[in-house]
Amino acid sequence: MQHPAPRPRWWTELPLIAIVYAAYSAGRLLVSGSESQAVDHGLEILRIEKYLHINAEHPLNRLFTRTPSLGIPADFAYASLHYLVTPAILVWMFRRRPLQYRAARTWLMLSTMLGLIGFSLLPTAPPRLLDASQGFVDTMAHYSSYGWWGGDASAPRGMGGMTNQYAAMPSLHVGWALWCGVMLWRFGGNRFTKVLGVAYPVTIAFVVMGTANHYLLDAVAGVFVMGIGLLLAGPALRLANRIRARVAPGTFGARAPIVSAGCKTSPGERIPGQRASDDSTAGADDSHPSAAR
């Protein structure tokens, strides 16, 4: 019989988040010094998209650049929602859906780790960091006077060194938004959350392309990474459960002790009396019944 895993605790979840952040920081250091290679990768992706006639980021970027009513909100969305909505839904799942939380968290973290591996192995310059001759405008820099960001993607001014400028492939903005959408669709509980679950990842996909932070193929790769993470989540959970059962067999997977084992209640007794289980004692009890009260 398979027993459910214990309810997750916040003091065990925070170290997992720290591990992911440490991996991201390590990836940023690995990419350092690969700027020319990252630009070559970005140009190659752009050539593939032009060949396939799917370079949707060009018209979107022109639209966002010449229409402040679209470009400015898109910049705010890119700079904030990625860091606000995802943790909020993670906390909501932790508090309101504890039985589904562990699988959801595992899916998100595995996909994130796969994305970080992609950043390290395939550093890619986003459209905004290509030469101006490619026709892209960095809307974050273009509208920087309206927000807290500068010319270093969504990082606050003066803190560009804390972000990986060449983490375009795959797009975790799109990947995380897809995860949020699935959580809202499956567990939101009403029609509004289902609509929001569809609208949010679609909106983020348009935002990352219109702001020249990602290519269309980056968004596709983000969806693909989330799919692989979903496939790996089940086996990873089962492996974690087996490890937990071996490390702490008395606290995980063990059946609760039967408190009333060996106790039987006689007629008129309020508290069960412990009876001996050996045959001789049982026989003695049968031959000398207690007097009626």
Foldseek 3Di string as FASTA:
>chain_A
DADAWDQDDPVVVVVLVVVLLVLLVVLLVLCPPCVVQQAVLQVVVVVVCVVVVNFVLQVLQVVLLVDVVNVVVLLVCQLPVLPPLLVVLLVVCSPPVRRCNLLLVQLLSQLSSVLSVCCNVRFHAFQCPHPCVVPGHQSCQVPVVVDQPHSLRNDGPPPSSSHRNRSAAADLLLLSLLSSLVSQCPPVPDDVSNVVSVVRSVSSLSSCSNNRNYTNVNNVRSNVSSVVSSVVSVVVVVVVLVVVCVVCVPPHPDDDDDPCPQWDCDPPDPDTDRADDDPVSVVVCVVDPDDDD
